[in-house]
Amino acid sequence: MVQNWTTLLEEPGTGKYRLTMEWDHAHSSAVLVDYVEGNKVYNPIDDERCSGKSTKVAADGQPFWMPRFFPRPLSSDITAKTGFRFASADWQPCGHKDIVICHAESHYDFHLYYVDESELNAMPECKIGTASNPDLPVCQDSGSNAANHDYFKLINSSIPIKISTSQAGTDEQVEKNVDFCVDPTSAILRSGVHYGDKSETLNEWRTPVTIMGSHDCKLKFFEPMVSWNWISGCVRGDTPWPVFNVSEIIYSSKSIVALPTTWQVEVSPGCKAQDCLRKEPIGQCHIKITVEGEACPAEGCPEIRQECGEMPDCVTGKTYQSPLTTTATSTITARVPSITQTMTSTAPVTSKAASNTSADAAVSVTSKAASTTSADAAVPLTSTGAPTTSADATLPATSKGASTTSADAAMSQGILRHPISLLLSGVVYVAF
């Protein structure tokens, strides 16, 4: 589906980079639910084929709801200038019906990861599932499962606070403030939790949108999200097409100097749909995504550090509150300029035995206690919040125990080779 992948790295000015990535969208290989069985699907959220429990499969033999992953390598020269380690042009036939800030429609999740695929593979396996679908690889926050809670150790650095975007019928950009929040339903196994502006993401993705992602207080990816509705030129009303540009991105602060300050998506005339019911393109559909920013220094960008912070909850609109609480005092530096906050919380929830013999095995609760000598030292706490005798104790690598030794075996097989898509215990786990 993602064919003829090419990249081009340019230096538009001293200390700047411009990275262009493009491919042919082979629509005959794309999985959609519209008209597959002869009927119009106005929203995949209402279609049973998009349920994680559906047994129906698409022409490629896989469930309709399964994302199709298309990771693509980036050269060492690109990494040296941009910090990006690899790209993944991931196709979502059904959208994200269980993710609050994402609309349920077919689209590309274009991930630009700041970590290697091997690092994603090495992330501990969380306990997955949602209330509506226990098979979805969504990691919910937990007061007793460290692998789950790591996804909710948030950042508030590297979060856009102001952008300029294209407007229909003009070459001018319109500046606007953006109000990013963390979506607690979007922590995806071996990827990260997602941040976005709901005013952009919930408006049926009339235009492409910007998403950021993190895990364990570290930025993990920069992500343009582009709907097939937009690519095919089928968005109703005045919407910039076939080019959409986001520029002058201002961040709360930067975890890496090379964060994109501009990105653009452009599609060829052949992407235009013959009609906006079936959305089949009239010709060859070519997609190009370009990102620009300040280049890494000559020695390359340093590894992104852990920088914990608070963010608003996309569901409640209030500061996200984790079920994991401790009596230790934690200092969280808000990356909004000149703000430092100190949080004191209550005793931890640890009601299960500290054993790794089952999927529900409890793990030690950790906190960055103020008494530690290293900002990154994790101090296991007892049920009263008091530090244990060993400040160097670490958490178990997985909450599922030794039974997960073959979890990564599916990575090398077709669409299952992506680190986020796992074949575990006979169940296919899927993510975006």
Foldseek 3Di string as FASTA:
>chain_A
DWAPWDKDWDDPDVQKIKIKIKTWDPVVPDQADFCPVHHFDPALLPPPLLAQPDPDPDPVRHRLQFKFKDKDADDPVCCQWFLFGTKIFIWGRQWDSQFDLAGGHIWTKIKGWNDDLVVLLLQFQACAQDPRGNQAQWQAFDLFAVSSPQLVLAAQWPAFQKKWKDWFPDPDTHIDGAAKFWERRAQFRSAHTKIFGSVCRVPNNLDWGWMWGDGNQWTTTTIIMHGLCQQQVNRPDGDDPDKMKMAQTDTLHHLWQNPFRIKMKGKDQQQHAPDSRRSDGNHTIMMMMMTMGRTAPPVGIDDRDRAGDWGAHPVPRHIDDGLHAAQAKDKHQNSRPPDTDIDGTHFTDHPAAQDLPALQHGKFDWDQHPPDPDSPFTFGADRHRDGDPDSRDDIDSYSGHPQCPCFQVQLVPRSCVRSSWTCHPNRTYHHD
